[in-house]
Amino acid sequence: MKKITLTYVLSLVAAFLVFSQPTPVAYYPFNGNADDAGSNVINGTTYGNPTLTTDNSGNSNNAYQFDGVDDYIDLGSSLILKPNAQVSLALWAYSSDWTSFSSWAALAGNTASGGYELIVHGGTGVLELEVKRNDTYGIAEYPLANISSGWHHFAMTFDGRYSVLYIDGIAVDTDDAGANYPIQYSYPGNSTLIGDEAGTGSTPEGDSFTGKIDEVRFYDVALTAQEVLTLYNSSTGIIENQTNINPGRVYPNPASDKLNIDVPEQSGAYKVCLNDITGKIICKKTVKINHGVIIFNRPVQVDAGFYMLTIESPSGEISSQKVVFN
């Protein structure tokens, strides 16, 4: 009964956090179809043969699988998906090997000599965002080699000046335009696509994505870092720092070989647990503090990527923080 009650409470907390978020102008949960679950009803049309598949929680018919050849979803040419001042785009995507892409593979967007998108650039080995402003693309990127296989939450925001790329709720790169500029669209009548790169009209460029995509959200505002993190947490069921211990600074983060964790001085040993984004326990150990600091050495089995670090004090207080290993 205690487990069920805790799960229920966490679900309510997650729901509250999501509903207090900015409202997307279009939202594609892919619950059996490509329809827009938002109030603007910008429904998607599938082309090729993207097939419904399991999502990151194992629910059937709740995500789309794209074959990397001719599968994509056309959201039409609605200007609602082409805001001028600010924009955010967030989604979940799955690849069995993020380093396997040899060329471009678009996740979603509407670039055609303008606009914005999230895209895999296999040629240079990065995931990147692109936003056209001031007659050039602002680009923020992250190495594909540092992204572990499986599901990840990707998000991009542009507030008129700063373009920020997020992976699993963490900002990994930022581009500064130097001043505020509007988003430029060279072909405002072109389609916004999911699973392929947009062309000048409704026909895609042929930069098809191989893998799964789910929970696609478009906004006409720039989400804050906390709003992106809340969005990520709400989709995984992992809620950070909902308990009553504040471990303070975790540094460096991202880290290469070890993390330093500032904690309150207490007699006895702390417990540290490292989970991957699916919740699987990677490492669990009991440690002692030294002058208010825990030194957590990177386990040999930990690859580059994103993890959840949970700390339990000797008095039973618990807190979780997201960490990155390079």
C-alpha atoms as a PDB file:
ATOM      1  CA  MET A   1       0.000   0.000   0.000  1.00  0.00           C
ATOM      2  CA  LYS A   2       2.850   2.391   0.816  1.00  0.00           C
ATOM      3  CA  LYS A   3       4.396   1.865  -2.632  1.00  0.00           C
ATOM      4  CA  ILE A   4       1.084   2.505  -4.384  1.00  0.00           C
ATOM      5  CA  THR A   5       0.470   5.648  -2.337  1.00  0.00           C
ATOM      6  CA  LEU A   6       3.940   7.036  -3.073  1.00  0.00           C
ATOM      7  CA  THR A   7       3.532   6.361  -6.789  1.00  0.00           C
ATOM      8  CA  TYR A   8       0.156   8.084  -6.759  1.00  0.00           C
ATOM      9  CA  VAL A   9       1.534  11.139  -4.945  1.00  0.00           C
ATOM     10  CA  LEU A  10       4.487  11.425  -7.340  1.00  0.00           C
ATOM     11  CA  SER A  11       2.081  11.161 -10.277  1.00  0.00           C
ATOM     12  CA  LEU A  12       0.010  14.009  -8.862  1.00  0.00           C
ATOM     13  CA  VAL A  13       3.133  16.112  -8.331  1.00  0.00           C
ATOM     14  CA  ALA A  14       4.256  15.439 -11.905  1.00  0.00           C
ATOM     15  CA  ALA A  15       0.813  16.309 -13.262  1.00  0.00           C
ATOM     16  CA  PHE A  16       0.728  19.562 -11.279  1.00  0.00           C
ATOM     17  CA  LEU A  17       4.167  20.550 -12.559  1.00  0.00           C
ATOM     18  CA  VAL A  18       3.210  19.860 -16.182  1.00  0.00           C
ATOM     19  CA  PHE A  19      -0.086  21.719 -16.010  1.00  0.00           C
ATOM     20  CA  SER A  20       1.645  24.749 -14.498  1.00  0.00           C
ATOM     21  CA  GLN A  21       3.928  24.831 -17.536  1.00  0.00           C
ATOM     22  CA  PRO A  22       3.459  27.059 -20.617  1.00  0.00           C
ATOM     23  CA  THR A  23       0.888  25.576 -22.978  1.00  0.00           C
ATOM     24  CA  PRO A  24       2.282  24.212 -26.248  1.00  0.00           C
ATOM     25  CA  VAL A  25       0.725  25.559 -29.431  1.00  0.00           C
ATOM     26  CA  ALA A  26       0.758  21.974 -30.730  1.00  0.00           C
ATOM     27  CA  TYR A  27       1.255  18.679 -28.887  1.00  0.00           C
ATOM     28  CA  TYR A  28       1.655  15.225 -30.438  1.00  0.00           C
ATOM     29  CA  PRO A  29       1.482  12.440 -27.816  1.00  0.00           C
ATOM     30  CA  PHE A  30       1.061   9.847 -30.618  1.00  0.00           C
ATOM     31  CA  ASN A  31      -1.537   7.942 -28.621  1.00  0.00           C
ATOM     32  CA  GLY A  32      -2.655   5.757 -31.495  1.00  0.00           C
ATOM     33  CA  ASN A  33      -2.473   8.490 -34.152  1.00  0.00           C
ATOM     34  CA  ALA A  34      -0.660  11.649 -35.291  1.00  0.00           C
ATOM     35  CA  ASP A  35      -3.343  14.077 -34.105  1.00  0.00           C
ATOM     36  CA  ASP A  36      -2.645  17.303 -32.240  1.00  0.00           C
ATOM     37  CA  ALA A  37      -3.878  16.970 -28.645  1.00  0.00           C
ATOM     38  CA  GLY A  38      -3.840  20.769 -28.230  1.00  0.00           C
ATOM     39  CA  SER A  39      -6.553  23.333 -28.845  1.00  0.00           C
ATOM     40  CA  ASN A  40      -5.249  24.426 -32.273  1.00  0.00           C
ATOM     41  CA  VAL A  41      -5.897  20.974 -33.797  1.00  0.00           C
ATOM     42  CA  ILE A  42      -2.942  20.976 -36.189  1.00  0.00           C
ATOM     43  CA  ASN A  43      -3.204  17.276 -36.975  1.00  0.00           C
ATOM     44  CA  GLY A  44      -0.355  15.425 -38.637  1.00  0.00           C
ATOM     45  CA  THR A  45      -0.533  13.295 -41.783  1.00  0.00           C
ATOM     46  CA  THR A  46       1.748  10.265 -42.050  1.00  0.00           C
ATOM     47  CA  TYR A  47       3.700   9.561 -45.258  1.00  0.00           C
ATOM     48  CA  GLY A  48       5.736   6.512 -46.162  1.00  0.00           C
ATOM     49  CA  ASN A  49       4.816   4.070 -43.448  1.00  0.00           C
ATOM     50  CA  PRO A  50       5.732   5.262 -39.964  1.00  0.00           C
ATOM     51  CA  THR A  51       4.347   2.618 -37.623  1.00  0.00           C
ATOM     52  CA  LEU A  52       2.975   2.932 -34.113  1.00  0.00           C
ATOM     53  CA  THR A  53       5.255   1.321 -31.537  1.00  0.00           C
ATOM     54  CA  THR A  54       6.042   1.265 -27.812  1.00  0.00           C
ATOM     55  CA  ASP A  55       7.039   4.478 -26.025  1.00  0.00           C
ATOM     56  CA  ASN A  56       9.748   5.000 -23.408  1.00  0.00           C
ATOM     57  CA  SER A  57       7.459   3.556 -20.716  1.00  0.00           C
ATOM     58  CA  GLY A  58       6.673   0.406 -22.700  1.00  0.00           C
ATOM     59  CA  ASN A  59       3.142   1.479 -23.679  1.00  0.00           C
ATOM     60  CA  SER A  60       2.132   0.032 -27.043  1.00  0.00           C
ATOM     61  CA  ASN A  61       0.902   2.248 -29.914  1.00  0.00           C
ATOM     62  CA  ASN A  62       2.221   5.388 -28.169  1.00  0.00           C
ATOM     63  CA  ALA A  63       5.166   6.427 -30.369  1.00  0.00           C
ATOM     64  CA  TYR A  64       6.086   6.304 -34.065  1.00  0.00           C
ATOM     65  CA  GLN A  65       8.863   4.247 -35.622  1.00  0.00           C
ATOM     66  CA  PHE A  66      10.554   5.846 -38.664  1.00  0.00           C
ATOM     67  CA  ASP A  67      12.469   3.722 -41.189  1.00  0.00           C
ATOM     68  CA  GLY A  68      15.042   6.317 -42.287  1.00  0.00           C
ATOM     69  CA  VAL A  69      13.964   6.014 -45.941  1.00  0.00           C
ATOM     70  CA  ASP A  70      10.672   7.769 -46.631  1.00  0.00           C
ATOM     71  CA  ASP A  71       8.744   7.926 -43.336  1.00  0.00           C
ATOM     72  CA  TYR A  72       7.668  11.303 -41.982  1.00  0.00           C
ATOM     73  CA  ILE A  73       4.720  13.202 -40.519  1.00  0.00           C
ATOM     74  CA  ASP A  74       3.541  16.397 -42.222  1.00  0.00           C
ATOM     75  CA  LEU A  75       2.039  19.013 -39.882  1.00  0.00           C
ATOM     76  CA  GLY A  76       1.064  21.333 -42.717  1.00  0.00           C
ATOM     77  CA  SER A  77       2.026  24.962 -43.248  1.00  0.00           C
ATOM     78  CA  SER A  78       0.290  26.547 -40.259  1.00  0.00           C
ATOM     79  CA  LEU A  79       1.922  29.817 -39.197  1.00  0.00           C
ATOM     80  CA  ILE A  80       1.110  28.886 -35.594  1.00  0.00           C
ATOM     81  CA  LEU A  81       4.165  26.610 -35.779  1.00  0.00           C
ATOM     82  CA  LYS A  82       6.282  29.505 -37.108  1.00  0.00           C
ATOM     83  CA  PRO A  83       6.456  32.122 -34.363  1.00  0.00           C
ATOM     84  CA  ASN A  84       8.617  35.174 -34.967  1.00  0.00           C
ATOM     85  CA  ALA A  85       9.907  36.226 -31.557  1.00  0.00           C
ATOM     86  CA  GLN A  86      10.526  33.036 -29.553  1.00  0.00           C
ATOM     87  CA  VAL A  87      10.218  29.299 -30.025  1.00  0.00           C
ATOM     88  CA  SER A  88      10.700  26.015 -28.196  1.00  0.00           C
ATOM     89  CA  LEU A  89      10.574  22.457 -29.490  1.00  0.00           C
ATOM     90  CA  ALA A  90      10.735  19.382 -27.266  1.00  0.00           C
ATOM     91  CA  LEU A  91      10.435  15.657 -27.989  1.00  0.00           C
ATOM     92  CA  TRP A  92      11.518  12.171 -27.036  1.00  0.00           C
ATOM     93  CA  ALA A  93      13.564  10.148 -29.533  1.00  0.00           C
ATOM     94  CA  TYR A  94      15.059   6.658 -29.588  1.00  0.00           C
ATOM     95  CA  SER A  95      18.017   5.217 -31.440  1.00  0.00           C
ATOM     96  CA  SER A  96      19.737   1.911 -30.790  1.00  0.00           C
ATOM     97  CA  ASP A  97      23.018   3.672 -31.653  1.00  0.00           C
ATOM     98  CA  TRP A  98      23.202   7.468 -31.895  1.00  0.00           C
ATOM     99  CA  THR A  99      26.633   7.253 -33.541  1.00  0.00           C
ATOM    100  CA  SER A 100      25.298   5.165 -36.443  1.00  0.00           C
ATOM    101  CA  PHE A 101      24.052   8.150 -38.489  1.00  0.00           C
ATOM    102  CA  SER A 102      26.294   8.982 -41.435  1.00  0.00           C
ATOM    103  CA  SER A 103      24.443  12.040 -42.711  1.00  0.00           C
ATOM    104  CA  TRP A 104      21.592  14.404 -41.796  1.00  0.00           C
ATOM    105  CA  ALA A 105      18.553  12.980 -40.008  1.00  0.00           C
ATOM    106  CA  ALA A 106      15.928  15.484 -38.882  1.00  0.00           C
ATOM    107  CA  LEU A 107      13.815  14.945 -35.784  1.00  0.00           C
ATOM    108  CA  ALA A 108      11.397  17.846 -36.262  1.00  0.00           C
ATOM    109  CA  GLY A 109      11.229  21.396 -37.603  1.00  0.00           C
ATOM    110  CA  ASN A 110      10.643  23.558 -40.659  1.00  0.00           C
ATOM    111  CA  THR A 111      14.044  24.743 -41.917  1.00  0.00           C
ATOM    112  CA  ALA A 112      14.334  25.669 -45.586  1.00  0.00           C
ATOM    113  CA  SER A 113      16.830  28.540 -45.746  1.00  0.00           C
ATOM    114  CA  GLY A 114      15.129  29.663 -42.532  1.00  0.00           C
ATOM    115  CA  GLY A 115      13.067  28.446 -39.582  1.00  0.00           C
ATOM    116  CA  TYR A 116      14.227  26.100 -36.818  1.00  0.00           C
ATOM    117  CA  GLU A 117      14.774  22.400 -36.164  1.00  0.00           C
ATOM    118  CA  LEU A 118      16.307  19.637 -34.071  1.00  0.00           C
ATOM    119  CA  ILE A 119      18.501  17.443 -36.268  1.00  0.00           C
ATOM    120  CA  VAL A 120      21.157  14.736 -36.132  1.00  0.00           C
ATOM    121  CA  HIS A 121      24.251  15.730 -38.119  1.00  0.00           C
ATOM    122  CA  GLY A 122      25.900  12.377 -38.704  1.00  0.00           C
ATOM    123  CA  GLY A 123      28.624  13.887 -40.868  1.00  0.00           C
ATOM    124  CA  THR A 124      30.097  15.819 -37.940  1.00  0.00           C
ATOM    125  CA  GLY A 125      28.782  13.458 -35.248  1.00  0.00           C
ATOM    126  CA  VAL A 126      26.564  15.887 -33.349  1.00  0.00           C
ATOM    127  CA  LEU A 127      22.972  16.498 -32.370  1.00  0.00           C
ATOM    128  CA  GLU A 128      22.162  20.122 -33.065  1.00  0.00           C
ATOM    129  CA  LEU A 129      19.533  22.817 -33.044  1.00  0.00           C
ATOM    130  CA  GLU A 130      19.307  25.384 -35.809  1.00  0.00           C
ATOM    131  CA  VAL A 131      17.479  28.727 -35.710  1.00  0.00           C
ATOM    132  CA  LYS A 132      17.683  31.256 -38.556  1.00  0.00           C
ATOM    133  CA  ARG A 133      18.115  34.820 -37.272  1.00  0.00           C
ATOM    134  CA  ASN A 134      20.146  37.823 -38.394  1.00  0.00           C
ATOM    135  CA  ASP A 135      20.586  36.182 -41.843  1.00  0.00           C
ATOM    136  CA  THR A 136      22.466  33.218 -40.394  1.00  0.00           C
ATOM    137  CA  TYR A 137      21.756  30.035 -38.467  1.00  0.00           C
ATOM    138  CA  GLY A 138      22.386  29.977 -34.744  1.00  0.00           C
ATOM    139  CA  ILE A 139      23.638  26.484 -33.943  1.00  0.00           C
ATOM    140  CA  ALA A 140      24.073  24.688 -30.613  1.00  0.00           C
ATOM    141  CA  GLU A 141      25.311  21.088 -30.633  1.00  0.00           C
ATOM    142  CA  TYR A 142      26.357  18.055 -28.590  1.00  0.00           C
ATOM    143  CA  PRO A 143      28.492  15.005 -29.549  1.00  0.00           C
ATOM    144  CA  LEU A 144      26.493  11.926 -30.518  1.00  0.00           C
ATOM    145  CA  ALA A 145      29.269   9.805 -28.991  1.00  0.00           C
ATOM    146  CA  ASN A 146      28.223  11.109 -25.562  1.00  0.00           C
ATOM    147  CA  ILE A 147      24.579  10.093 -26.011  1.00  0.00           C
ATOM    148  CA  SER A 148      23.894   6.550 -24.832  1.00  0.00           C
ATOM    149  CA  SER A 149      21.694   4.229 -26.870  1.00  0.00           C
ATOM    150  CA  GLY A 150      17.965   4.313 -26.197  1.00  0.00           C
ATOM    151  CA  TRP A 151      15.404   6.993 -25.388  1.00  0.00           C
ATOM    152  CA  HIS A 152      16.391  10.604 -24.698  1.00  0.00           C
ATOM    153  CA  HIS A 153      14.522  13.861 -24.256  1.00  0.00           C
ATOM    154  CA  PHE A 154      15.738  16.605 -26.610  1.00  0.00           C
ATOM    155  CA  ALA A 155      14.650  20.238 -26.432  1.00  0.00           C
ATOM    156  CA  MET A 156      15.619  23.536 -28.034  1.00  0.00           C
ATOM    157  CA  THR A 157      14.684  27.070 -27.016  1.00  0.00           C
ATOM    158  CA  PHE A 158      15.233  30.481 -28.628  1.00  0.00           C
ATOM    159  CA  ASP A 159      14.348  33.668 -26.739  1.00  0.00           C
ATOM    160  CA  GLY A 160      15.316  36.160 -29.456  1.00  0.00           C
ATOM    161  CA  ARG A 161      19.003  36.066 -28.605  1.00  0.00           C
ATOM    162  CA  TYR A 162      20.047  32.771 -26.991  1.00  0.00           C
ATOM    163  CA  SER A 163      19.551  29.369 -28.581  1.00  0.00           C
ATOM    164  CA  VAL A 164      19.838  26.598 -25.982  1.00  0.00           C
ATOM    165  CA  LEU A 165      20.067  22.851 -26.586  1.00  0.00           C
ATOM    166  CA  TYR A 166      18.865  20.515 -23.811  1.00  0.00           C
ATOM    167  CA  ILE A 167      19.336  16.767 -23.454  1.00  0.00           C
ATOM    168  CA  ASP A 168      17.427  14.918 -20.718  1.00  0.00           C
ATOM    169  CA  GLY A 169      16.598  18.179 -18.994  1.00  0.00           C
ATOM    170  CA  ILE A 170      20.134  19.584 -18.948  1.00  0.00           C
ATOM    171  CA  ALA A 171      21.410  22.503 -21.037  1.00  0.00           C
ATOM    172  CA  VAL A 172      24.417  21.181 -22.987  1.00  0.00           C
ATOM    173  CA  ASP A 173      25.204  24.055 -25.369  1.00  0.00           C
ATOM    174  CA  THR A 174      24.180  27.664 -26.017  1.00  0.00           C
ATOM    175  CA  ASP A 175      24.522  29.972 -29.014  1.00  0.00           C
ATOM    176  CA  ASP A 176      24.493  33.743 -28.462  1.00  0.00           C
ATOM    177  CA  ALA A 177      23.303  35.903 -31.362  1.00  0.00           C
ATOM    178  CA  GLY A 178      24.783  38.970 -29.629  1.00  0.00           C
ATOM    179  CA  ALA A 179      21.496  40.871 -29.686  1.00  0.00           C
ATOM    180  CA  ASN A 180      17.784  40.218 -30.114  1.00  0.00           C
ATOM    181  CA  TYR A 181      16.577  39.175 -33.572  1.00  0.00           C
ATOM    182  CA  PRO A 182      13.348  37.699 -34.970  1.00  0.00           C
ATOM    183  CA  ILE A 183      13.204  34.196 -36.422  1.00  0.00           C
ATOM    184  CA  GLN A 184      13.455  34.299 -40.219  1.00  0.00           C
ATOM    185  CA  TYR A 185      11.405  32.069 -42.541  1.00  0.00           C
ATOM    186  CA  SER A 186      12.406  32.126 -46.208  1.00  0.00           C
ATOM    187  CA  TYR A 187       9.463  29.881 -47.168  1.00  0.00           C
ATOM    188  CA  PRO A 188       6.631  30.609 -44.724  1.00  0.00           C
ATOM    189  CA  GLY A 189       4.300  28.365 -46.740  1.00  0.00           C
ATOM    190  CA  ASN A 190       6.404  25.225 -46.306  1.00  0.00           C
ATOM    191  CA  SER A 191       5.450  22.304 -44.091  1.00  0.00           C
ATOM    192  CA  THR A 192       6.642  21.621 -40.571  1.00  0.00           C
ATOM    193  CA  LEU A 193       7.740  17.980 -40.435  1.00  0.00           C
ATOM    194  CA  ILE A 194       8.494  15.256 -37.911  1.00  0.00           C
ATOM    195  CA  GLY A 195      10.985  12.566 -38.942  1.00  0.00           C
ATOM    196  CA  ASP A 196      12.482  14.347 -41.971  1.00  0.00           C
ATOM    197  CA  GLU A 197      13.893  17.751 -42.871  1.00  0.00           C
ATOM    198  CA  ALA A 198      11.450  20.253 -44.308  1.00  0.00           C
ATOM    199  CA  GLY A 199      11.837  21.518 -47.858  1.00  0.00           C
ATOM    200  CA  THR A 200      10.593  24.675 -49.533  1.00  0.00           C
ATOM    201  CA  GLY A 201       7.067  23.291 -49.797  1.00  0.00           C
ATOM    202  CA  SER A 202       5.400  20.088 -48.610  1.00  0.00           C
ATOM    203  CA  THR A 203       8.078  17.752 -49.996  1.00  0.00           C
ATOM    204  CA  PRO A 204      10.830  16.825 -47.490  1.00  0.00           C
ATOM    205  CA  GLU A 205      14.540  17.060 -48.201  1.00  0.00           C
ATOM    206  CA  GLY A 206      15.020  13.321 -47.705  1.00  0.00           C
ATOM    207  CA  ASP A 207      17.033  13.611 -44.478  1.00  0.00           C
ATOM    208  CA  SER A 208      15.018  10.866 -42.825  1.00  0.00           C
ATOM    209  CA  PHE A 209      15.402   9.761 -39.225  1.00  0.00           C
ATOM    210  CA  THR A 210      15.822   6.109 -38.274  1.00  0.00           C
ATOM    211  CA  GLY A 211      14.319   5.338 -34.875  1.00  0.00           C
ATOM    212  CA  LYS A 212      11.376   6.290 -32.690  1.00  0.00           C
ATOM    213  CA  ILE A 213       9.898   9.721 -31.875  1.00  0.00           C
ATOM    214  CA  ASP A 214       7.277  10.585 -29.266  1.00  0.00           C
ATOM    215  CA  GLU A 215       5.780  13.423 -27.194  1.00  0.00           C
ATOM    216  CA  VAL A 216       6.493  16.254 -29.650  1.00  0.00           C
ATOM    217  CA  ARG A 217       5.674  19.730 -28.329  1.00  0.00           C
ATOM    218  CA  PHE A 218       5.899  23.108 -30.104  1.00  0.00           C
ATOM    219  CA  TYR A 219       5.796  26.418 -28.204  1.00  0.00           C
ATOM    220  CA  ASP A 220       5.702  30.087 -29.218  1.00  0.00           C
ATOM    221  CA  VAL A 221       7.704  31.011 -26.104  1.00  0.00           C
ATOM    222  CA  ALA A 222      11.192  30.142 -24.895  1.00  0.00           C
ATOM    223  CA  LEU A 223      10.921  27.635 -22.061  1.00  0.00           C
ATOM    224  CA  THR A 224      13.119  28.297 -19.054  1.00  0.00           C
ATOM    225  CA  ALA A 225      15.711  25.766 -17.908  1.00  0.00           C
ATOM    226  CA  GLN A 226      13.444  24.751 -15.023  1.00  0.00           C
ATOM    227  CA  GLU A 227      10.466  24.320 -17.365  1.00  0.00           C
ATOM    228  CA  VAL A 228      12.499  22.046 -19.650  1.00  0.00           C
ATOM    229  CA  LEU A 229      13.668  20.021 -16.642  1.00  0.00           C
ATOM    230  CA  THR A 230      10.108  19.732 -15.338  1.00  0.00           C
ATOM    231  CA  LEU A 231       8.930  18.600 -18.763  1.00  0.00           C
ATOM    232  CA  TYR A 232      11.623  15.920 -18.844  1.00  0.00           C
ATOM    233  CA  ASN A 233      10.889  14.769 -15.296  1.00  0.00           C
ATOM    234  CA  SER A 234       7.147  14.568 -15.923  1.00  0.00           C
ATOM    235  CA  SER A 235       7.752  12.153 -18.793  1.00  0.00           C
ATOM    236  CA  THR A 236      10.032   9.827 -16.806  1.00  0.00           C
ATOM    237  CA  GLY A 237       8.283   9.876 -13.459  1.00  0.00           C
ATOM    238  CA  ILE A 238      11.544  11.032 -11.845  1.00  0.00           C
ATOM    239  CA  ILE A 239      11.035  14.173  -9.802  1.00  0.00           C
ATOM    240  CA  GLU A 240      14.158  15.900  -8.548  1.00  0.00           C
ATOM    241  CA  ASN A 241      14.571  17.380  -5.069  1.00  0.00           C
ATOM    242  CA  GLN A 242      11.060  16.615  -3.819  1.00  0.00           C
ATOM    243  CA  THR A 243      12.389  15.603  -0.396  1.00  0.00           C
ATOM    244  CA  ASN A 244      13.845  17.569   2.472  1.00  0.00           C
ATOM    245  CA  ILE A 245      17.599  17.323   2.083  1.00  0.00           C
ATOM    246  CA  ASN A 246      19.537  19.787  -0.014  1.00  0.00           C
ATOM    247  CA  PRO A 247      22.870  18.214  -0.968  1.00  0.00           C
ATOM    248  CA  GLY A 248      24.079  21.541  -2.310  1.00  0.00           C
ATOM    249  CA  ARG A 249      26.603  21.744  -5.108  1.00  0.00           C
ATOM    250  CA  VAL A 250      27.477  18.721  -7.262  1.00  0.00           C
ATOM    251  CA  TYR A 251      30.627  19.506  -9.200  1.00  0.00           C
ATOM    252  CA  PRO A 252      32.032  19.297 -11.767  1.00  0.00           C
ATOM    253  CA  ASN A 253      28.871  18.489 -13.693  1.00  0.00           C
ATOM    254  CA  PRO A 254      29.435  17.301 -16.432  1.00  0.00           C
ATOM    255  CA  ALA A 255      32.268  15.211 -14.965  1.00  0.00           C
ATOM    256  CA  SER A 256      34.974  12.997 -16.405  1.00  0.00           C
ATOM    257  CA  ASP A 257      36.107  10.783 -13.542  1.00  0.00           C
ATOM    258  CA  LYS A 258      34.570  11.894 -10.246  1.00  0.00           C
ATOM    259  CA  LEU A 259      31.896  14.057  -8.645  1.00  0.00           C
ATOM    260  CA  ASN A 260      32.228  16.165  -5.514  1.00  0.00           C
ATOM    261  CA  ILE A 261      28.981  16.452  -3.558  1.00  0.00           C
ATOM    262  CA  ASP A 262      28.483  19.042  -0.835  1.00  0.00           C
ATOM    263  CA  VAL A 263      26.288  17.610   1.954  1.00  0.00           C
ATOM    264  CA  PRO A 264      25.300  18.647   5.500  1.00  0.00           C
ATOM    265  CA  GLU A 265      27.590  17.307   8.216  1.00  0.00           C
ATOM    266  CA  GLN A 266      25.945  14.308   9.922  1.00  0.00           C
ATOM    267  CA  SER A 267      27.408  11.470  11.941  1.00  0.00           C
ATOM    268  CA  GLY A 268      27.330   8.162  10.124  1.00  0.00           C
ATOM    269  CA  ALA A 269      27.517   7.148   6.473  1.00  0.00           C
ATOM    270  CA  TYR A 270      25.660   8.480   3.461  1.00  0.00           C
ATOM    271  CA  LYS A 271      24.206   6.167   0.792  1.00  0.00           C
ATOM    272  CA  VAL A 272      24.711   7.058  -2.875  1.00  0.00           C
ATOM    273  CA  CYS A 273      22.856   5.417  -5.759  1.00  0.00           C
ATOM    274  CA  LEU A 274      23.379   6.039  -9.488  1.00  0.00           C
ATOM    275  CA  ASN A 275      20.550   5.182 -11.926  1.00  0.00           C
ATOM    276  CA  ASP A 276      20.351   5.485 -15.685  1.00  0.00           C
ATOM    277  CA  ILE A 277      17.424   7.356 -17.255  1.00  0.00           C
ATOM    278  CA  THR A 278      15.297   4.184 -17.386  1.00  0.00           C
ATOM    279  CA  GLY A 279      15.625   3.814 -13.605  1.00  0.00           C
ATOM    280  CA  LYS A 280      18.067   0.878 -13.709  1.00  0.00           C
ATOM    281  CA  ILE A 281      20.519   0.894 -10.785  1.00  0.00           C
ATOM    282  CA  ILE A 282      24.073   1.240 -12.084  1.00  0.00           C
ATOM    283  CA  CYS A 283      25.897   1.595  -8.774  1.00  0.00           C
ATOM    284  CA  LYS A 284      24.933   1.712  -5.112  1.00  0.00           C
ATOM    285  CA  LYS A 285      27.398   2.299  -2.274  1.00  0.00           C
ATOM    286  CA  THR A 286      27.785   3.558   1.274  1.00  0.00           C
ATOM    287  CA  VAL A 287      30.224   6.434   1.691  1.00  0.00           C
ATOM    288  CA  LYS A 288      31.569   8.668   4.432  1.00  0.00           C
ATOM    289  CA  ILE A 289      31.914  12.420   4.130  1.00  0.00           C
ATOM    290  CA  ASN A 290      35.105  14.402   4.523  1.00  0.00           C
ATOM    291  CA  HIS A 291      34.559  17.957   5.780  1.00  0.00           C
ATOM    292  CA  GLY A 292      31.079  18.124   4.253  1.00  0.00           C
ATOM    293  CA  VAL A 293      32.035  16.641   0.873  1.00  0.00           C
ATOM    294  CA  ILE A 294      31.362  13.230  -0.682  1.00  0.00           C
ATOM    295  CA  ILE A 295      33.764  12.158  -3.417  1.00  0.00           C
ATOM    296  CA  PHE A 296      31.946   9.849  -5.837  1.00  0.00           C
ATOM    297  CA  ASN A 297      34.308   8.119  -8.253  1.00  0.00           C
ATOM    298  CA  ARG A 298      32.915   7.209 -11.650  1.00  0.00           C
ATOM    299  CA  PRO A 299      32.168   3.462 -11.788  1.00  0.00           C
ATOM    300  CA  VAL A 300      34.015   1.590 -14.540  1.00  0.00           C
ATOM    301  CA  GLN A 301      30.717   0.455 -16.099  1.00  0.00           C
ATOM    302  CA  VAL A 302      29.392   4.005 -16.546  1.00  0.00           C
ATOM    303  CA  ASP A 303      29.457   5.201 -20.151  1.00  0.00           C
ATOM    304  CA  ALA A 304      29.161   8.824 -21.226  1.00  0.00           C
ATOM    305  CA  GLY A 305      25.622  10.063 -20.765  1.00  0.00           C
ATOM    306  CA  PHE A 306      22.978  11.284 -18.327  1.00  0.00           C
ATOM    307  CA  TYR A 307      22.237   9.718 -14.940  1.00  0.00           C
ATOM    308  CA  MET A 308      20.238  10.323 -11.766  1.00  0.00           C
ATOM    309  CA  LEU A 309      22.279  10.521  -8.556  1.00  0.00           C
ATOM    310  CA  THR A 310      20.299   9.807  -5.366  1.00  0.00           C
ATOM    311  CA  ILE A 311      21.756  10.628  -1.945  1.00  0.00           C
ATOM    312  CA  GLU A 312      20.397   9.356   1.380  1.00  0.00           C
ATOM    313  CA  SER A 313      21.658  10.930   4.606  1.00  0.00           C
ATOM    314  CA  PRO A 314      22.337   8.943   7.797  1.00  0.00           C
ATOM    315  CA  SER A 315      19.034  10.284   9.163  1.00  0.00           C
ATOM    316  CA  GLY A 316      17.105   8.986   6.132  1.00  0.00           C
ATOM    317  CA  GLU A 317      16.621  12.192   4.130  1.00  0.00           C
ATOM    318  CA  ILE A 318      16.787  11.705   0.362  1.00  0.00           C
ATOM    319  CA  SER A 319      17.473  13.914  -2.632  1.00  0.00           C
ATOM    320  CA  SER A 320      18.043  13.282  -6.350  1.00  0.00           C
ATOM    321  CA  GLN A 321      20.039  15.301  -8.861  1.00  0.00           C
ATOM    322  CA  LYS A 322      20.761  14.782 -12.533  1.00  0.00           C
ATOM    323  CA  VAL A 323      24.438  14.351 -13.464  1.00  0.00           C
ATOM    324  CA  VAL A 324      26.369  13.954 -16.709  1.00  0.00           C
ATOM    325  CA  PHE A 325      29.529  11.959 -17.362  1.00  0.00           C
ATOM    326  CA  ASN A 326      31.614  12.848 -20.412  1.00  0.00           C
END
